[in-house]
Amino acid sequence: MSKHPETTSITAGRPEVAPGAAINPPIVLASTFYAGGSIGYGAYGNQTCTALEDAIAALEGGSTLVFSSGMAAVSALFSILPVGAPVVASNQGSIGVMTLLNSFHESGRLEVRFVDIVNTQLVIDAMKGAALVWLESPTNPCLDVAELETLITAAKKMGIAVAVDNTFATPLVQNPLAMGADIVMHSVTKFLSGHSDVLMGSLSTNDPALLNRLQDSRSFNGSIPGAFESWLALRGLRTFPLRFNKSQENAKELIIKLAAHPRITRVRYPGFGAIISFEVDGTAEQTQKVCESSQLIVHATSLGSIESLWERRRRWPMESLSVPEQLIRLSVGCEHVDDIWDDINLALASI
């Protein structure tokens, strides 16, 4: 029976139905397993991790592996590329990924071709001879949106693998595997788990051979998550659509108010999701003071949680210089929208 994602998030990854059995998978706290089964050792798998993988797979439409962090998942993907392999990637995106790609490019580990992801023809032109196209859409933190279907189709015609970071959009908005992408990555820490208590990543694919290579990378680099963290993430996933939809509803109301505020010069919003980036009419120091003056919105670096979070992104030395000094990234939570707006107003009034 075909299910909507709201139903899938609640039901996927459950144990088999049996009289008297629990409807939730147990936390299997074991590193050692009897020989002869499907799990040879705790570094290779765990029943609790498998339940979470099954749930994410049902949402993304491809077999899934979970990792100890989003960067562990990204690193596993890049680790299976040959030395010097050409990779096309956005010139602006997640700090961790951008830092890793820059280090690989400078060391010669990979030949990274950085492009403006919204310039579709430029991206396609850069694909010639590439081994992988890495697409982050919307980008972090400027929220640029790529023409995913067009880029994926072009890459596949050239025989080039495509990986998509789907953290911001989530499977509620887009399904890159259905568009033809080879890999979908999530920072499970964010919207999927959604409670600021888990560090985790995932990779999903429909290619069995690719899945095996990624699983080997995870096993031999020791990046499988713990059972307790997997259980927490799965519990968080049960309310993912409810949280995402409420946060998105709040965000769409807030962008109208933000655009009309005299101390805000630009609002960036891709038209969906719960992340808003906006630029303050003031100095970097004043923008920083705005973030530090909130009483409800948490001043922290993360996103996709039930609570609203914001920060001035250029406070991080590693952030791309293309990101304006006065840009604040706001991850809208599930609080009452009027309370969020009152806090924004209060913070802006501090400068």
Protein backbone atom coordinates (compact mmCIF):
# COMPACT_ATOMS: atom_id res chain seq x y z
CA MET A 1 0.00 0.00 0.00
CA SER A 2 1.35 3.40 -1.02
CA LYS A 3 1.73 5.70 1.98
CA HIS A 4 2.08 9.43 2.38
CA PRO A 5 5.32 10.61 4.06
CA GLU A 6 3.35 11.59 7.17
CA THR A 7 2.36 7.94 7.53
CA THR A 8 5.72 6.54 6.48
CA SER A 9 7.55 8.59 9.11
CA ILE A 10 5.44 6.99 11.82
CA THR A 11 5.34 3.39 10.58
CA ALA A 12 8.61 2.68 8.75
CA GLY A 13 11.34 0.84 10.62
CA ARG A 14 9.01 -0.97 13.01
CA PRO A 15 9.63 -4.60 13.98
CA GLU A 16 7.48 -7.32 12.45
CA VAL A 17 3.98 -7.54 13.87
CA ALA A 18 3.58 -10.28 16.46
CA PRO A 19 1.22 -10.74 19.41
CA GLY A 20 2.70 -9.11 22.48
CA ALA A 21 5.64 -7.59 20.59
CA ALA A 22 6.70 -3.95 21.01
CA ILE A 23 5.80 -1.60 18.17
CA ASN A 24 9.12 0.23 18.55
CA PRO A 25 12.52 -1.33 17.83
CA PRO A 26 14.66 -1.94 20.92
CA ILE A 27 17.95 -0.26 21.68
CA VAL A 28 20.46 -3.05 20.99
CA LEU A 29 23.47 -2.19 23.15
CA ALA A 30 25.89 -4.76 21.79
CA SER A 31 29.22 -4.68 20.02
CA THR A 32 29.51 -8.46 19.73
CA PHE A 33 27.13 -10.83 17.94
CA TYR A 34 26.96 -14.63 17.68
CA ALA A 35 28.59 -15.93 14.52
CA GLY A 36 26.48 -17.01 11.58
CA GLY A 37 24.09 -14.05 11.52
CA SER A 38 23.78 -11.01 9.30
CA ILE A 39 25.86 -8.81 11.63
CA GLY A 40 29.44 -9.90 12.06
CA TYR A 41 30.53 -7.15 14.45
CA GLY A 42 29.20 -3.90 15.92
CA ALA A 43 31.27 -1.78 13.56
CA TYR A 44 29.41 -3.33 10.62
CA GLY A 45 25.83 -3.02 11.79
CA ASN A 46 23.28 -2.93 14.57
CA GLN A 47 19.57 -3.75 14.61
CA THR A 48 18.66 -0.31 15.94
CA CYS A 49 20.66 1.39 13.19
CA THR A 50 18.96 -0.84 10.63
CA ALA A 51 15.51 0.24 11.82
CA LEU A 52 16.46 3.91 11.32
CA GLU A 53 17.97 3.12 7.92
CA ASP A 54 14.76 1.40 6.86
CA ALA A 55 12.72 4.44 7.87
CA ILE A 56 14.89 6.96 6.00
CA ALA A 57 15.00 4.61 3.00
CA ALA A 58 11.21 4.55 2.90
CA LEU A 59 11.14 8.35 2.77
CA GLU A 60 13.94 8.83 0.23
CA GLY A 61 13.15 5.80 -1.93
CA GLY A 62 16.57 4.13 -1.77
CA SER A 63 18.64 1.85 0.47
CA THR A 64 20.17 3.87 3.29
CA LEU A 65 23.24 3.83 5.52
CA VAL A 66 23.48 5.98 8.66
CA PHE A 67 26.76 7.49 9.84
CA SER A 68 28.07 8.99 13.06
CA SER A 69 27.69 12.51 11.61
CA GLY A 70 26.76 14.31 8.43
CA MET A 71 30.44 14.96 7.72
CA ALA A 72 31.19 11.26 8.24
CA ALA A 73 28.63 10.50 5.53
CA VAL A 74 30.13 13.11 3.18
CA SER A 75 33.66 11.86 3.88
CA ALA A 76 32.61 8.29 3.10
CA LEU A 77 31.28 9.40 -0.28
CA PHE A 78 34.40 11.34 -1.23
CA SER A 79 36.66 8.54 0.06
CA ILE A 80 35.53 6.15 -2.67
CA LEU A 81 36.54 8.54 -5.46
CA PRO A 82 39.95 7.95 -7.06
CA VAL A 83 42.81 10.34 -6.33
CA GLY A 84 42.57 13.41 -8.54
CA ALA A 85 38.98 12.73 -9.59
CA PRO A 86 37.21 15.83 -10.94
CA VAL A 87 34.27 16.93 -8.81
CA VAL A 88 31.81 19.71 -9.66
CA ALA A 89 30.52 21.50 -6.56
CA SER A 90 28.86 24.74 -5.54
CA ASN A 91 31.20 27.60 -4.62
CA GLN A 92 29.03 28.30 -1.58
CA GLY A 93 27.54 25.84 0.88
CA SER A 94 27.89 24.01 4.17
CA ILE A 95 31.06 25.09 5.99
CA GLY A 96 32.19 21.54 6.71
CA VAL A 97 31.75 20.34 3.13
CA MET A 98 33.32 23.47 1.64
CA THR A 99 36.31 23.21 3.98
CA LEU A 100 36.77 19.54 3.13
CA LEU A 101 36.50 20.13 -0.62
CA ASN A 102 38.94 23.03 -0.49
CA SER A 103 41.46 20.92 1.44
CA PHE A 104 41.07 18.06 -1.06
CA HIS A 105 41.53 20.45 -3.96
CA GLU A 106 44.62 22.10 -2.49
CA SER A 107 46.25 18.75 -1.68
CA GLY A 108 45.43 17.22 -5.06
CA ARG A 109 43.22 14.56 -3.51
CA LEU A 110 40.40 15.79 -5.77
CA GLU A 111 40.14 18.28 -8.62
CA VAL A 112 37.23 20.39 -7.45
CA ARG A 113 35.51 22.66 -9.97
CA PHE A 114 33.65 25.26 -7.94
CA VAL A 115 30.66 26.78 -9.72
CA ASP A 116 27.73 29.10 -9.15
CA ILE A 117 25.02 26.50 -8.64
CA VAL A 118 22.22 28.76 -9.94
CA ASN A 119 24.01 29.23 -13.28
CA THR A 120 22.71 26.02 -14.83
CA GLN A 121 24.63 26.21 -18.09
CA LEU A 122 27.88 27.00 -16.27
CA VAL A 123 27.39 23.95 -14.08
CA ILE A 124 26.68 21.74 -17.10
CA ASP A 125 29.76 23.08 -18.92
CA ALA A 126 31.89 22.23 -15.87
CA MET A 127 30.67 18.62 -15.86
CA LYS A 128 32.75 17.45 -18.82
CA GLY A 129 35.00 14.60 -17.64
CA ALA A 130 33.86 14.86 -14.02
CA ALA A 131 33.49 11.84 -11.74
CA LEU A 132 30.88 13.38 -9.46
CA VAL A 133 28.54 16.35 -9.28
CA TRP A 134 27.86 17.45 -5.71
CA LEU A 135 24.65 19.48 -5.45
CA GLU A 136 23.51 21.26 -2.32
CA SER A 137 20.08 22.79 -2.91
CA PRO A 138 19.08 25.03 -1.26
CA THR A 139 22.61 26.07 -0.34
CA ASN A 140 23.70 26.90 3.17
CA PRO A 141 23.35 29.72 4.20
CA CYS A 142 22.40 31.84 1.14
CA LEU A 143 19.56 29.51 0.10
CA ASP A 144 20.39 29.40 -3.61
CA VAL A 145 18.28 26.83 -5.46
CA ALA A 146 19.67 24.67 -8.26
CA GLU A 147 17.65 23.40 -11.21
CA LEU A 148 18.04 19.89 -9.89
CA GLU A 149 16.18 17.92 -12.54
CA THR A 150 17.96 19.70 -15.39
CA LEU A 151 21.39 19.24 -13.82
CA ILE A 152 20.79 15.60 -12.89
CA THR A 153 19.53 14.79 -16.39
CA ALA A 154 22.55 16.47 -17.98
CA ALA A 155 24.99 14.63 -15.71
CA LYS A 156 23.39 11.25 -16.33
CA LYS A 157 23.61 11.78 -20.11
CA MET A 158 27.36 12.22 -19.62
CA GLY A 159 27.61 9.16 -17.37
CA ILE A 160 28.51 11.24 -14.31
CA ALA A 161 27.43 10.33 -10.79
CA VAL A 162 25.27 12.85 -8.91
CA ALA A 163 25.00 13.34 -5.16
CA VAL A 164 22.49 15.71 -3.57
CA ASP A 165 22.49 17.14 -0.06
CA ASN A 166 18.77 17.07 0.74
CA THR A 167 19.07 18.33 4.32
CA PHE A 168 17.30 21.68 3.85
CA ALA A 169 14.56 20.59 1.43
CA THR A 170 13.97 17.13 2.96
CA PRO A 171 11.98 14.36 1.22
CA LEU A 172 8.81 16.31 1.96
CA VAL A 173 9.84 18.82 -0.71
CA GLN A 174 12.02 16.93 -3.18
CA ASN A 175 13.16 13.37 -3.92
CA PRO A 176 16.45 13.53 -5.83
CA LEU A 177 16.67 9.73 -6.31
CA ALA A 178 13.37 9.85 -8.18
CA MET A 179 14.93 12.54 -10.40
CA GLY A 180 17.81 10.22 -11.25
CA ALA A 181 20.43 11.16 -8.66
CA ASP A 182 22.76 8.39 -7.47
CA ILE A 183 23.10 9.44 -3.84
CA VAL A 184 21.11 11.55 -1.39
CA MET A 185 22.80 12.83 1.75
CA HIS A 186 21.22 14.08 4.98
CA SER A 187 22.53 15.64 8.10
CA VAL A 188 20.13 13.58 10.19
CA THR A 189 21.04 15.89 13.06
CA LYS A 190 18.77 18.48 11.50
CA PHE A 191 15.14 18.10 10.35
CA LEU A 192 14.92 14.31 10.37
CA SER A 193 15.74 13.89 14.07
CA GLY A 194 14.86 17.46 14.98
CA HIS A 195 15.52 17.74 18.71
CA SER A 196 19.10 19.05 19.01
CA ASP A 197 20.21 15.85 20.73
CA VAL A 198 21.70 13.70 17.96
CA LEU A 199 24.76 13.99 15.71
CA MET A 200 24.24 11.79 12.64
CA GLY A 201 24.27 11.60 8.83
CA SER A 202 22.90 9.32 6.13
CA LEU A 203 23.45 8.31 2.51
CA SER A 204 20.71 6.77 0.34
CA THR A 205 21.13 5.13 -3.06
CA ASN A 206 19.43 2.74 -5.49
CA ASP A 207 22.75 1.29 -6.67
CA PRO A 208 23.59 -1.95 -4.76
CA ALA A 209 27.27 -1.87 -5.79
CA LEU A 210 27.61 1.74 -4.64
CA LEU A 211 25.86 0.90 -1.38
CA ASN A 212 28.39 -1.88 -0.72
CA ARG A 213 31.33 0.45 -1.34
CA LEU A 214 29.89 3.05 1.01
CA GLN A 215 29.21 0.40 3.64
CA ASP A 216 32.82 -0.78 3.42
CA SER A 217 33.98 2.80 3.87
CA ARG A 218 31.77 3.19 6.92
CA SER A 219 32.94 -0.08 8.45
CA PHE A 220 36.65 0.41 7.93
CA ASN A 221 36.64 4.06 8.94
CA GLY A 222 34.61 3.33 12.07
CA SER A 223 31.82 5.82 11.37
CA ILE A 224 28.71 3.83 12.27
CA PRO A 225 26.52 5.63 14.86
CA GLY A 226 25.70 4.19 18.25
CA ALA A 227 22.49 2.30 18.94
CA PHE A 228 21.16 4.84 21.43
CA GLU A 229 21.69 7.75 19.01
CA SER A 230 19.98 5.75 16.26
CA TRP A 231 17.01 5.10 18.53
CA LEU A 232 16.76 8.79 19.40
CA ALA A 233 16.91 9.75 15.73
CA LEU A 234 14.18 7.26 14.84
CA ARG A 235 11.98 8.57 17.64
CA GLY A 236 12.52 12.09 16.34
CA LEU A 237 11.72 10.99 12.80
CA ARG A 238 8.22 9.95 13.89
CA THR A 239 7.22 13.62 14.22
CA PHE A 240 9.36 14.94 11.34
CA PRO A 241 6.48 15.92 8.98
CA LEU A 242 4.55 17.58 11.81
CA ARG A 243 7.57 19.59 12.90
CA PHE A 244 8.66 20.49 9.37
CA ASN A 245 5.21 21.60 8.26
CA LYS A 246 4.67 23.73 11.37
CA SER A 247 8.11 25.35 11.04
CA GLN A 248 7.51 25.98 7.34
CA GLU A 249 4.14 27.55 8.11
CA ASN A 250 5.83 29.86 10.62
CA ALA A 251 8.62 30.70 8.17
CA LYS A 252 6.21 31.74 5.42
CA GLU A 253 4.50 34.12 7.81
CA LEU A 254 7.78 35.53 9.09
CA ILE A 255 9.28 36.33 5.68
CA ILE A 256 6.46 38.79 5.01
CA LYS A 257 7.14 40.60 8.29
CA LEU A 258 10.91 40.49 7.83
CA ALA A 259 10.71 41.96 4.32
CA ALA A 260 8.77 44.93 5.69
CA HIS A 261 11.12 45.63 8.62
CA PRO A 262 13.15 48.87 8.22
CA ARG A 263 16.34 47.34 9.70
CA ILE A 264 16.42 44.45 7.21
CA THR A 265 17.81 45.04 3.73
CA ARG A 266 17.29 41.63 2.13
CA VAL A 267 15.38 38.44 2.88
CA ARG A 268 16.39 35.13 1.30
CA TYR A 269 13.86 32.31 1.20
CA PRO A 270 13.63 29.56 -1.44
CA GLY A 271 9.84 29.35 -1.27
CA PHE A 272 9.75 26.28 0.96
CA GLY A 273 11.23 24.94 4.15
CA ALA A 274 11.97 26.46 7.54
CA ILE A 275 15.27 28.28 6.90
CA ILE A 276 15.35 32.03 6.30
CA SER A 277 18.46 34.12 5.75
CA PHE A 278 18.25 37.89 6.02
CA GLU A 279 20.66 40.81 6.02
CA VAL A 280 20.65 43.53 8.66
CA ASP A 281 21.09 47.22 7.91
CA GLY A 282 24.13 47.72 10.10
CA THR A 283 27.66 46.61 10.80
CA ALA A 284 28.88 43.08 11.47
CA GLU A 285 29.12 43.99 15.16
CA GLN A 286 25.54 45.23 15.22
CA THR A 287 24.35 42.10 13.45
CA GLN A 288 26.15 40.00 16.01
CA LYS A 289 24.44 41.98 18.77
CA VAL A 290 21.05 41.17 17.24
CA CYS A 291 21.71 37.45 17.58
CA GLU A 292 23.02 37.87 21.10
CA SER A 293 19.99 39.91 22.19
CA SER A 294 17.29 37.32 21.61
CA GLN A 295 15.43 35.87 24.57
CA LEU A 296 13.48 33.11 22.82
CA ILE A 297 15.45 32.31 19.66
CA VAL A 298 18.51 30.29 20.58
CA HIS A 299 21.84 31.81 19.51
CA ALA A 300 23.56 28.66 18.27
CA THR A 301 24.89 26.95 15.18
CA SER A 302 22.46 24.34 13.99
CA LEU A 303 19.10 24.13 12.30
CA GLY A 304 16.03 22.00 11.72
CA SER A 305 15.05 21.60 15.34
CA ILE A 306 11.81 22.23 17.23
CA GLU A 307 13.28 25.41 18.70
CA SER A 308 14.14 28.47 16.63
CA LEU A 309 17.89 29.06 16.19
CA TRP A 310 19.87 31.84 14.58
CA GLU A 311 23.38 33.12 14.14
CA ARG A 312 25.49 35.52 12.09
CA ARG A 313 27.19 33.06 9.78
CA ARG A 314 30.36 35.08 9.19
CA ARG A 315 31.20 34.76 12.88
CA TRP A 316 32.83 31.52 11.72
CA PRO A 317 36.29 32.15 10.21
CA MET A 318 35.78 29.23 7.81
CA GLU A 319 32.59 30.66 6.31
CA SER A 320 32.73 31.61 2.63
CA LEU A 321 33.64 35.22 1.93
CA SER A 322 30.69 35.29 -0.48
CA VAL A 323 28.38 35.28 2.55
CA PRO A 324 27.58 38.86 3.65
CA GLU A 325 28.91 39.94 7.05
CA GLN A 326 25.42 41.10 8.01
CA LEU A 327 23.65 37.84 7.09
CA ILE A 328 21.72 36.02 9.80
CA ARG A 329 20.54 32.46 9.22
CA LEU A 330 17.31 31.77 11.04
CA SER A 331 16.07 28.22 11.52
CA VAL A 332 12.40 28.66 12.33
CA GLY A 333 11.07 26.35 15.01
CA CYS A 334 7.64 25.27 16.22
CA GLU A 335 7.00 28.00 18.77
CA HIS A 336 4.03 30.29 18.26
CA VAL A 337 4.87 32.54 15.35
CA ASP A 338 3.87 35.70 17.23
CA ASP A 339 6.37 34.90 19.97
CA ILE A 340 9.14 34.36 17.42
CA TRP A 341 8.33 37.66 15.73
CA ASP A 342 8.21 39.56 19.03
CA ASP A 343 11.68 38.21 19.83
CA ILE A 344 13.04 39.23 16.41
CA ASN A 345 11.64 42.75 16.90
CA LEU A 346 13.14 42.96 20.38
CA ALA A 347 16.56 41.88 19.11
CA LEU A 348 16.52 44.28 16.16
CA ALA A 349 15.58 47.11 18.50
CA SER A 350 18.86 46.56 20.36
CA ILE A 351 20.88 48.21 17.56
